[in-house]
Every structure is written in structure tokens, then in C-alpha cells.
Amino acid sequence: MAERDGYMRDPSNMCVTAAMVGLPAEKGAMGVHYFRPDLLGITNPQPPVAGSDGVIDVNLPEVLVYEPAADGSMQLVAAEYLVFQDAWTKAGNTAPPTLAGQGFNAMADDPATLIDEAHGFTPHHELHIWVHRDNPDGVFAGFNPKVTCPAADAAKPM
């Protein structure tokens, strides 16, 4: 389970859907995020979360994404790699990160909008990999139409 391996549940306790960030609801959802503070270099997990992680290790995803089920259980659906933009640049990188030839998405909150496009984090690069749930939009898509969040309130921490 995620918590046994050092991951903590996102303090916002949200099951993120495409509609929450202004995308068509048909795009589906991401799910509930669990992150490893040590891998991200986080000392305070309160939003906006900042960290010193500027390294990508394919064997150590910084975030695991779960879909809540109606019975309160959680199903692992994706791994997410996340590096903070400042840390990435400070590490000497001049190009955005890639993994397996796939570019990461640059995420930053736009204060002119009501939604938080960076999901409670300071500017960062992220890449979802749908390793435990087939995604008709592609293995690296941000959202998965086969993931839902109707049971998010009933889901128990792992």
C-alpha cells in the first residue's frame, strides 16, 4: 500500500476530475494522489506544495494515483513523475524533462482563474503513466476516461 511505502495522501483529499480543471467531463479523471515527500524534497505538505526535487528516477515515481471505489477501497491506476520547475533548472537542465521519449506537462497555477491548474503545487513538470488502467487517450494522457471519482468521499486512506 502507498502509505506503507512512504507515500502520503494529498492533503486536499480530492479525487481530481477533468471537469474540475475546466476540461470536458468526458476526459474522465486522474484520481486521488499520494506523494512521497522525501522524493519531492518536501518539508511542508501544505499547498502550494514546493520541493527541491529536480531528478527523475523511472524506478521511483514521486506520485501514485488511485481510483476510489464505492466500498471505500482504492485501486492503483497510474504512476506520476513530478519535478519542480525551479529545482529542475537549478540542477542544470535547460530543456523540459522527458521519460521514455515523452515530454512532461508544464503545470503552473494561473491566478486569474478560479481553478488551480497546478493542483496545489508550485510550478512543476509532470507526467502520468497509466500502468494499471488502460487509457483510450494514451498511456501518457493527463486524464483517463475509464477512471471515475463518484466514490471519492467514501474512500478511506490506505
N, C-alpha and C. Protein backbone atom coordinates (compact mmCIF):
# COMPACT_ATOMS: atom_id res chain seq x y z
N MET A 1 0.84 -1.17 0.00
CA MET A 1 0.00 0.00 0.00
C MET A 1 0.88 1.24 0.00
N ALA A 2 0.34 2.31 -0.50
CA ALA A 2 1.10 3.55 -0.69
C ALA A 2 1.71 4.08 0.61
N GLU A 3 0.91 4.17 1.67
CA GLU A 3 1.41 4.75 2.91
C GLU A 3 2.52 3.92 3.52
N ARG A 4 2.44 2.60 3.41
CA ARG A 4 3.49 1.72 3.91
C ARG A 4 4.82 2.00 3.20
N ASP A 5 4.74 2.43 1.95
CA ASP A 5 5.94 2.71 1.16
C ASP A 5 6.38 4.17 1.24
N GLY A 6 5.82 4.95 2.17
CA GLY A 6 6.26 6.32 2.38
C GLY A 6 5.47 7.38 1.65
N TYR A 7 4.41 6.98 0.96
CA TYR A 7 3.57 7.95 0.26
C TYR A 7 2.51 8.50 1.22
N MET A 8 2.15 9.76 1.05
CA MET A 8 1.07 10.34 1.86
C MET A 8 -0.03 10.85 0.94
N ARG A 9 -1.22 10.77 1.45
CA ARG A 9 -2.38 11.21 0.67
C ARG A 9 -2.34 12.72 0.52
N ASP A 10 -2.67 13.20 -0.67
CA ASP A 10 -2.75 14.63 -0.95
C ASP A 10 -3.59 15.29 0.14
N PRO A 11 -3.05 16.32 0.82
CA PRO A 11 -3.80 16.96 1.90
C PRO A 11 -5.15 17.53 1.47
N SER A 12 -5.33 17.85 0.20
CA SER A 12 -6.63 18.36 -0.26
C SER A 12 -7.67 17.24 -0.31
N ASN A 13 -7.19 15.98 -0.30
CA ASN A 13 -8.07 14.81 -0.29
C ASN A 13 -9.07 14.80 -1.44
N MET A 14 -8.63 15.29 -2.59
CA MET A 14 -9.53 15.39 -3.74
C MET A 14 -9.27 14.27 -4.73
N CYS A 15 -10.34 13.79 -5.31
CA CYS A 15 -10.25 12.91 -6.45
C CYS A 15 -10.39 13.84 -7.66
N VAL A 16 -9.30 14.05 -8.38
CA VAL A 16 -9.25 15.05 -9.44
C VAL A 16 -9.93 14.55 -10.70
N THR A 17 -10.87 15.35 -11.20
CA THR A 17 -11.56 15.04 -12.45
C THR A 17 -11.21 16.10 -13.49
N ALA A 18 -11.41 15.77 -14.74
CA ALA A 18 -11.15 16.72 -15.82
C ALA A 18 -12.06 17.94 -15.68
N ALA A 19 -13.31 17.74 -15.28
CA ALA A 19 -14.25 18.85 -15.14
C ALA A 19 -13.78 19.86 -14.10
N MET A 20 -13.07 19.38 -13.07
CA MET A 20 -12.56 20.28 -12.02
C MET A 20 -11.59 21.32 -12.56
N VAL A 21 -10.90 20.97 -13.63
CA VAL A 21 -9.90 21.89 -14.18
C VAL A 21 -10.37 22.50 -15.50
N GLY A 22 -11.68 22.47 -15.71
CA GLY A 22 -12.25 23.14 -16.87
C GLY A 22 -12.20 22.36 -18.16
N LEU A 23 -11.90 21.07 -18.11
CA LEU A 23 -11.89 20.23 -19.30
C LEU A 23 -13.22 19.51 -19.42
N PRO A 24 -13.54 19.00 -20.60
CA PRO A 24 -14.79 18.25 -20.76
C PRO A 24 -14.83 17.05 -19.81
N ALA A 25 -15.98 16.82 -19.20
CA ALA A 25 -16.15 15.72 -18.26
C ALA A 25 -15.83 14.37 -18.90
N GLU A 26 -16.02 14.26 -20.22
CA GLU A 26 -15.75 13.00 -20.93
C GLU A 26 -14.29 12.58 -20.84
N LYS A 27 -13.40 13.52 -20.50
CA LYS A 27 -11.97 13.18 -20.36
C LYS A 27 -11.74 12.28 -19.17
N GLY A 28 -12.71 12.24 -18.23
CA GLY A 28 -12.60 11.35 -17.08
C GLY A 28 -11.95 11.99 -15.87
N ALA A 29 -11.03 11.24 -15.29
CA ALA A 29 -10.41 11.68 -14.05
C ALA A 29 -8.96 11.24 -13.98
N MET A 30 -8.26 11.77 -13.01
CA MET A 30 -6.93 11.26 -12.63
C MET A 30 -7.14 10.29 -11.47
N GLY A 31 -7.74 10.81 -10.40
CA GLY A 31 -7.96 10.03 -9.20
C GLY A 31 -7.42 10.77 -7.99
N VAL A 32 -7.15 10.01 -6.94
CA VAL A 32 -6.62 10.55 -5.68
C VAL A 32 -5.11 10.35 -5.71
N HIS A 33 -4.38 11.43 -5.41
CA HIS A 33 -2.93 11.41 -5.47
C HIS A 33 -2.30 11.13 -4.11
N TYR A 34 -1.28 10.28 -4.13
CA TYR A 34 -0.44 10.02 -2.96
C TYR A 34 0.98 10.38 -3.39
N PHE A 35 1.68 11.18 -2.61
CA PHE A 35 3.03 11.57 -3.00
C PHE A 35 4.03 11.25 -1.91
N ARG A 36 5.31 11.11 -2.32
CA ARG A 36 6.40 10.81 -1.40
C ARG A 36 7.14 12.10 -1.10
N PRO A 37 6.95 12.65 0.11
CA PRO A 37 7.63 13.90 0.46
C PRO A 37 9.14 13.81 0.34
N ASP A 38 9.73 12.66 0.67
CA ASP A 38 11.19 12.54 0.60
C ASP A 38 11.68 12.61 -0.84
N LEU A 39 10.96 12.00 -1.78
CA LEU A 39 11.39 12.05 -3.18
C LEU A 39 11.22 13.45 -3.77
N LEU A 40 10.20 14.17 -3.30
CA LEU A 40 9.94 15.52 -3.80
C LEU A 40 10.75 16.58 -3.07
N GLY A 41 11.41 16.22 -1.99
CA GLY A 41 12.16 17.19 -1.21
C GLY A 41 11.26 18.15 -0.46
N ILE A 42 10.10 17.66 -0.01
CA ILE A 42 9.11 18.50 0.66
C ILE A 42 9.31 18.46 2.17
N THR A 43 9.26 19.64 2.77
CA THR A 43 9.30 19.72 4.22
C THR A 43 7.95 20.11 4.79
N ASN A 44 7.11 20.79 4.01
CA ASN A 44 5.77 21.18 4.44
C ASN A 44 4.79 20.82 3.33
N PRO A 45 3.89 19.87 3.58
CA PRO A 45 2.98 19.41 2.53
C PRO A 45 1.75 20.29 2.32
N GLN A 46 1.68 21.44 2.96
CA GLN A 46 0.50 22.30 2.79
C GLN A 46 0.61 23.09 1.49
N PRO A 47 -0.51 23.23 0.76
CA PRO A 47 -0.49 23.94 -0.53
C PRO A 47 -0.14 25.42 -0.39
N PRO A 48 0.54 26.01 -1.34
CA PRO A 48 1.10 25.33 -2.51
C PRO A 48 2.36 24.56 -2.13
N VAL A 49 2.39 23.30 -2.44
CA VAL A 49 3.49 22.42 -2.09
C VAL A 49 4.69 22.75 -2.96
N ALA A 50 5.83 22.94 -2.31
CA ALA A 50 7.08 23.20 -3.02
C ALA A 50 8.10 22.16 -2.58
N GLY A 51 9.09 21.93 -3.41
CA GLY A 51 10.12 20.96 -3.07
C GLY A 51 11.39 21.18 -3.86
N SER A 52 12.37 20.37 -3.53
CA SER A 52 13.69 20.52 -4.14
C SER A 52 13.99 19.43 -5.16
N ASP A 53 12.98 18.61 -5.52
CA ASP A 53 13.22 17.51 -6.45
C ASP A 53 13.45 18.01 -7.87
N GLY A 54 14.61 17.69 -8.40
CA GLY A 54 14.93 18.02 -9.78
C GLY A 54 15.44 16.81 -10.53
N VAL A 55 15.12 15.61 -10.03
CA VAL A 55 15.64 14.36 -10.58
C VAL A 55 14.49 13.43 -10.94
N ILE A 56 14.61 12.76 -12.06
CA ILE A 56 13.63 11.76 -12.47
C ILE A 56 14.29 10.39 -12.39
N ASP A 57 13.68 9.51 -11.61
CA ASP A 57 14.14 8.13 -11.49
C ASP A 57 12.97 7.24 -11.89
N VAL A 58 13.08 6.54 -13.00
CA VAL A 58 11.98 5.72 -13.52
C VAL A 58 11.51 4.69 -12.50
N ASN A 59 12.40 4.27 -11.59
CA ASN A 59 12.04 3.27 -10.60
C ASN A 59 11.37 3.84 -9.35
N LEU A 60 11.35 5.18 -9.24
CA LEU A 60 10.77 5.82 -8.06
C LEU A 60 9.83 6.95 -8.45
N PRO A 61 8.61 6.63 -8.84
CA PRO A 61 7.66 7.70 -9.16
C PRO A 61 7.36 8.51 -7.90
N GLU A 62 7.33 9.81 -8.03
CA GLU A 62 7.07 10.69 -6.90
C GLU A 62 5.63 10.61 -6.43
N VAL A 63 4.72 10.22 -7.33
CA VAL A 63 3.29 10.21 -7.03
C VAL A 63 2.67 8.91 -7.54
N LEU A 64 1.74 8.37 -6.75
CA LEU A 64 0.91 7.25 -7.18
C LEU A 64 -0.53 7.74 -7.21
N VAL A 65 -1.29 7.30 -8.19
CA VAL A 65 -2.67 7.77 -8.36
C VAL A 65 -3.62 6.58 -8.22
N TYR A 66 -4.65 6.79 -7.39
CA TYR A 66 -5.62 5.75 -7.08
C TYR A 66 -7.03 6.18 -7.44
N GLU A 67 -7.84 5.21 -7.85
CA GLU A 67 -9.26 5.45 -8.08
C GLU A 67 -10.03 4.92 -6.88
N PRO A 68 -10.86 5.77 -6.26
CA PRO A 68 -11.67 5.29 -5.14
C PRO A 68 -12.84 4.44 -5.63
N ALA A 69 -13.13 3.39 -4.89
CA ALA A 69 -14.26 2.52 -5.22
C ALA A 69 -15.41 2.77 -4.26
N ALA A 70 -16.58 2.32 -4.62
CA ALA A 70 -17.79 2.54 -3.82
C ALA A 70 -17.67 1.93 -2.42
N ASP A 71 -16.88 0.86 -2.29
CA ASP A 71 -16.74 0.22 -0.97
C ASP A 71 -15.67 0.88 -0.10
N GLY A 72 -15.07 1.97 -0.59
CA GLY A 72 -14.05 2.68 0.18
C GLY A 72 -12.63 2.24 -0.11
N SER A 73 -12.47 1.19 -0.88
CA SER A 73 -11.12 0.74 -1.23
C SER A 73 -10.55 1.64 -2.32
N MET A 74 -9.26 1.51 -2.56
CA MET A 74 -8.57 2.30 -3.56
C MET A 74 -7.84 1.37 -4.52
N GLN A 75 -7.93 1.67 -5.82
CA GLN A 75 -7.29 0.88 -6.86
C GLN A 75 -6.19 1.71 -7.50
N LEU A 76 -4.95 1.21 -7.48
CA LEU A 76 -3.84 1.90 -8.14
C LEU A 76 -4.11 1.93 -9.64
N VAL A 77 -4.06 3.13 -10.25
CA VAL A 77 -4.32 3.25 -11.68
C VAL A 77 -3.16 3.85 -12.46
N ALA A 78 -2.33 4.68 -11.79
CA ALA A 78 -1.26 5.35 -12.53
C ALA A 78 -0.09 5.70 -11.62
N ALA A 79 1.05 5.87 -12.26
CA ALA A 79 2.22 6.45 -11.61
C ALA A 79 2.40 7.84 -12.22
N GLU A 80 2.89 8.74 -11.41
CA GLU A 80 3.14 10.10 -11.90
C GLU A 80 4.54 10.52 -11.51
N TYR A 81 5.25 11.06 -12.47
CA TYR A 81 6.58 11.60 -12.22
C TYR A 81 6.45 13.11 -12.16
N LEU A 82 7.06 13.72 -11.15
CA LEU A 82 6.91 15.15 -10.93
C LEU A 82 8.24 15.73 -10.48
N VAL A 83 8.66 16.80 -11.14
CA VAL A 83 9.83 17.57 -10.71
C VAL A 83 9.44 19.04 -10.69
N PHE A 84 9.92 19.74 -9.69
CA PHE A 84 9.62 21.17 -9.58
C PHE A 84 10.45 21.95 -10.58
N GLN A 85 9.81 22.92 -11.24
CA GLN A 85 10.49 23.68 -12.29
C GLN A 85 11.76 24.36 -11.78
N ASP A 86 11.69 25.00 -10.61
CA ASP A 86 12.89 25.66 -10.07
C ASP A 86 14.02 24.67 -9.83
N ALA A 87 13.70 23.54 -9.22
CA ALA A 87 14.72 22.53 -8.92
C ALA A 87 15.29 21.93 -10.21
N TRP A 88 14.43 21.72 -11.20
CA TRP A 88 14.86 21.17 -12.48
C TRP A 88 15.89 22.11 -13.13
N THR A 89 15.60 23.40 -13.10
CA THR A 89 16.50 24.39 -13.69
C THR A 89 17.79 24.50 -12.87
N LYS A 90 17.66 24.52 -11.55
CA LYS A 90 18.84 24.62 -10.68
C LYS A 90 19.75 23.42 -10.83
N ALA A 91 19.21 22.28 -11.24
CA ALA A 91 20.01 21.07 -11.48
C ALA A 91 20.79 21.16 -12.79
N GLY A 92 20.64 22.28 -13.51
CA GLY A 92 21.39 22.48 -14.75
C GLY A 92 20.67 22.09 -16.01
N ASN A 93 19.41 21.75 -15.91
CA ASN A 93 18.65 21.34 -17.09
C ASN A 93 18.14 22.57 -17.83
N THR A 94 18.30 22.56 -19.14
CA THR A 94 17.84 23.69 -19.96
C THR A 94 16.62 23.34 -20.80
N ALA A 95 16.33 22.05 -20.94
CA ALA A 95 15.14 21.60 -21.68
C ALA A 95 14.17 20.94 -20.70
N PRO A 96 12.89 20.97 -21.03
CA PRO A 96 11.92 20.29 -20.16
C PRO A 96 12.23 18.80 -20.05
N PRO A 97 11.83 18.15 -18.97
CA PRO A 97 12.13 16.73 -18.79
C PRO A 97 11.36 15.84 -19.76
N THR A 98 11.93 14.67 -20.00
CA THR A 98 11.29 13.62 -20.79
C THR A 98 11.53 12.28 -20.09
N LEU A 99 10.68 11.33 -20.39
CA LEU A 99 10.83 9.97 -19.90
C LEU A 99 10.34 9.05 -20.99
N ALA A 100 11.15 8.10 -21.39
CA ALA A 100 10.81 7.18 -22.48
C ALA A 100 10.42 7.95 -23.74
N GLY A 101 11.09 9.09 -23.97
CA GLY A 101 10.82 9.90 -25.15
C GLY A 101 9.59 10.77 -25.06
N GLN A 102 8.89 10.73 -23.94
CA GLN A 102 7.66 11.50 -23.76
C GLN A 102 7.96 12.76 -22.93
N GLY A 103 7.56 13.90 -23.45
CA GLY A 103 7.73 15.15 -22.73
C GLY A 103 6.76 15.28 -21.57
N PHE A 104 7.20 15.95 -20.53
CA PHE A 104 6.35 16.22 -19.37
C PHE A 104 5.47 17.43 -19.65
N ASN A 105 4.37 17.55 -18.91
CA ASN A 105 3.49 18.71 -18.99
C ASN A 105 3.97 19.75 -17.99
N ALA A 106 4.08 21.01 -18.42
CA ALA A 106 4.42 22.11 -17.52
C ALA A 106 3.14 22.54 -16.83
N MET A 107 3.17 22.61 -15.51
CA MET A 107 1.99 22.94 -14.72
C MET A 107 2.28 24.15 -13.84
N ALA A 108 1.44 25.16 -13.94
CA ALA A 108 1.55 26.34 -13.08
C ALA A 108 0.16 26.92 -12.90
N ASP A 109 -0.12 27.39 -11.70
CA ASP A 109 -1.43 27.97 -11.41
C ASP A 109 -1.53 29.34 -12.07
N ASP A 110 -2.67 29.61 -12.66
CA ASP A 110 -2.97 30.93 -13.23
C ASP A 110 -3.86 31.65 -12.23
N PRO A 111 -3.34 32.67 -11.52
CA PRO A 111 -4.14 33.34 -10.50
C PRO A 111 -5.38 34.05 -11.06
N ALA A 112 -5.47 34.20 -12.37
CA ALA A 112 -6.63 34.86 -12.97
C ALA A 112 -7.81 33.91 -13.14
N THR A 113 -7.61 32.61 -12.84
CA THR A 113 -8.69 31.64 -12.96
C THR A 113 -9.12 31.15 -11.58
N LEU A 114 -10.32 30.60 -11.50
CA LEU A 114 -10.81 30.08 -10.23
C LEU A 114 -10.22 28.73 -9.88
N ILE A 115 -9.83 27.96 -10.89
CA ILE A 115 -9.28 26.63 -10.64
C ILE A 115 -7.78 26.72 -10.41
N ASP A 116 -7.24 25.74 -9.77
CA ASP A 116 -5.79 25.66 -9.53
C ASP A 116 -5.21 24.67 -10.54
N GLU A 117 -4.67 25.19 -11.60
CA GLU A 117 -4.15 24.34 -12.68
C GLU A 117 -2.95 23.50 -12.24
N ALA A 118 -2.29 23.89 -11.15
CA ALA A 118 -1.12 23.16 -10.67
C ALA A 118 -1.48 22.20 -9.53
N HIS A 119 -2.77 22.06 -9.24
CA HIS A 119 -3.27 21.09 -8.25
C HIS A 119 -2.61 21.22 -6.88
N GLY A 120 -2.38 22.44 -6.43
CA GLY A 120 -1.83 22.66 -5.09
C GLY A 120 -0.32 22.63 -5.01
N PHE A 121 0.35 22.55 -6.15
CA PHE A 121 1.81 22.54 -6.17
C PHE A 121 2.34 23.83 -6.79
N THR A 122 3.56 24.19 -6.46
CA THR A 122 4.22 25.30 -7.14
C THR A 122 4.52 24.83 -8.57
N PRO A 123 4.94 25.72 -9.48
CA PRO A 123 5.19 25.29 -10.86
C PRO A 123 6.06 24.04 -10.94
N HIS A 124 5.62 23.11 -11.76
CA HIS A 124 6.31 21.84 -11.88
C HIS A 124 6.07 21.22 -13.25
N HIS A 125 6.80 20.15 -13.50
CA HIS A 125 6.62 19.33 -14.70
C HIS A 125 6.09 17.98 -14.21
N GLU A 126 5.07 17.44 -14.91
CA GLU A 126 4.52 16.16 -14.50
C GLU A 126 4.21 15.29 -15.71
N LEU A 127 4.24 13.99 -15.46
CA LEU A 127 3.91 13.02 -16.50
C LEU A 127 3.19 11.84 -15.85
N HIS A 128 1.95 11.61 -16.28
CA HIS A 128 1.19 10.44 -15.82
C HIS A 128 1.49 9.27 -16.74
N ILE A 129 1.59 8.09 -16.13
CA ILE A 129 1.73 6.86 -16.91
C ILE A 129 0.68 5.89 -16.37
N TRP A 130 -0.27 5.58 -17.22
CA TRP A 130 -1.39 4.73 -16.84
C TRP A 130 -0.96 3.28 -16.91
N VAL A 131 -0.32 2.82 -15.85
CA VAL A 131 0.26 1.48 -15.82
C VAL A 131 -0.71 0.42 -15.33
N HIS A 132 -1.76 0.82 -14.62
CA HIS A 132 -2.69 -0.16 -14.07
C HIS A 132 -4.14 0.06 -14.52
N ARG A 133 -4.32 0.91 -15.52
CA ARG A 133 -5.66 1.11 -16.08
C ARG A 133 -5.47 1.54 -17.53
N ASP A 134 -6.01 0.76 -18.43
CA ASP A 134 -5.96 1.09 -19.85
C ASP A 134 -6.55 2.48 -20.06
N ASN A 135 -5.90 3.27 -20.91
CA ASN A 135 -6.40 4.61 -21.19
C ASN A 135 -6.57 4.75 -22.71
N PRO A 136 -7.81 4.88 -23.19
CA PRO A 136 -8.02 5.02 -24.63
C PRO A 136 -7.42 6.30 -25.20
N ASP A 137 -7.10 7.27 -24.34
CA ASP A 137 -6.46 8.52 -24.80
C ASP A 137 -4.94 8.42 -24.84
N GLY A 138 -4.40 7.29 -24.41
CA GLY A 138 -2.96 7.07 -24.45
C GLY A 138 -2.36 6.88 -23.07
N VAL A 139 -1.29 6.13 -23.01
CA VAL A 139 -0.65 5.78 -21.75
C VAL A 139 -0.12 7.02 -21.00
N PHE A 140 0.19 8.11 -21.73
CA PHE A 140 0.74 9.31 -21.10
C PHE A 140 -0.26 10.45 -20.96
N ALA A 141 -1.52 10.22 -21.25
CA ALA A 141 -2.53 11.28 -21.18
C ALA A 141 -2.70 11.76 -19.73
N GLY A 142 -3.08 13.01 -19.56
CA GLY A 142 -3.26 13.57 -18.23
C GLY A 142 -4.45 13.00 -17.49
N PHE A 143 -5.52 12.72 -18.20
CA PHE A 143 -6.74 12.18 -17.61
C PHE A 143 -7.10 10.88 -18.30
N ASN A 144 -7.93 10.08 -17.64
CA ASN A 144 -8.32 8.78 -18.19
C ASN A 144 -9.84 8.66 -18.14
N PRO A 145 -10.50 8.53 -19.31
CA PRO A 145 -11.95 8.40 -19.32
C PRO A 145 -12.47 7.14 -18.64
N LYS A 146 -11.59 6.19 -18.35
CA LYS A 146 -12.00 4.96 -17.65
C LYS A 146 -11.86 5.09 -16.13
N VAL A 147 -11.44 6.26 -15.65
CA VAL A 147 -11.30 6.49 -14.21
C VAL A 147 -12.42 7.44 -13.78
N THR A 148 -13.06 7.12 -12.66
CA THR A 148 -14.14 7.95 -12.14
C THR A 148 -13.88 8.29 -10.67
N CYS A 149 -14.61 9.27 -10.19
CA CYS A 149 -14.46 9.72 -8.80
C CYS A 149 -15.75 9.75 -8.01
N PRO A 150 -16.79 9.04 -8.38
CA PRO A 150 -18.05 9.18 -7.64
C PRO A 150 -17.97 8.72 -6.19
N ALA A 151 -17.03 7.86 -5.88
CA ALA A 151 -16.93 7.33 -4.52
C ALA A 151 -15.83 8.04 -3.71
N ALA A 152 -15.34 9.16 -4.18
CA ALA A 152 -14.20 9.82 -3.52
C ALA A 152 -14.47 10.12 -2.06
N ASP A 153 -15.66 10.56 -1.72
CA ASP A 153 -15.96 10.91 -0.34
C ASP A 153 -15.98 9.68 0.57
N ALA A 154 -16.31 8.52 0.00
CA ALA A 154 -16.39 7.30 0.80
C ALA A 154 -15.04 6.60 0.92
N ALA A 155 -14.07 6.98 0.09
CA ALA A 155 -12.78 6.29 0.07
C ALA A 155 -12.02 6.55 1.37
N LYS A 156 -11.44 5.50 1.89
CA LYS A 156 -10.67 5.60 3.13
C LYS A 156 -9.21 5.71 2.79
N PRO A 157 -8.41 6.42 3.62
CA PRO A 157 -6.96 6.46 3.39
C PRO A 157 -6.41 5.04 3.41
N MET A 158 -5.36 4.84 2.63
CA MET A 158 -4.81 3.49 2.52
C MET A 158 -3.97 3.13 3.72
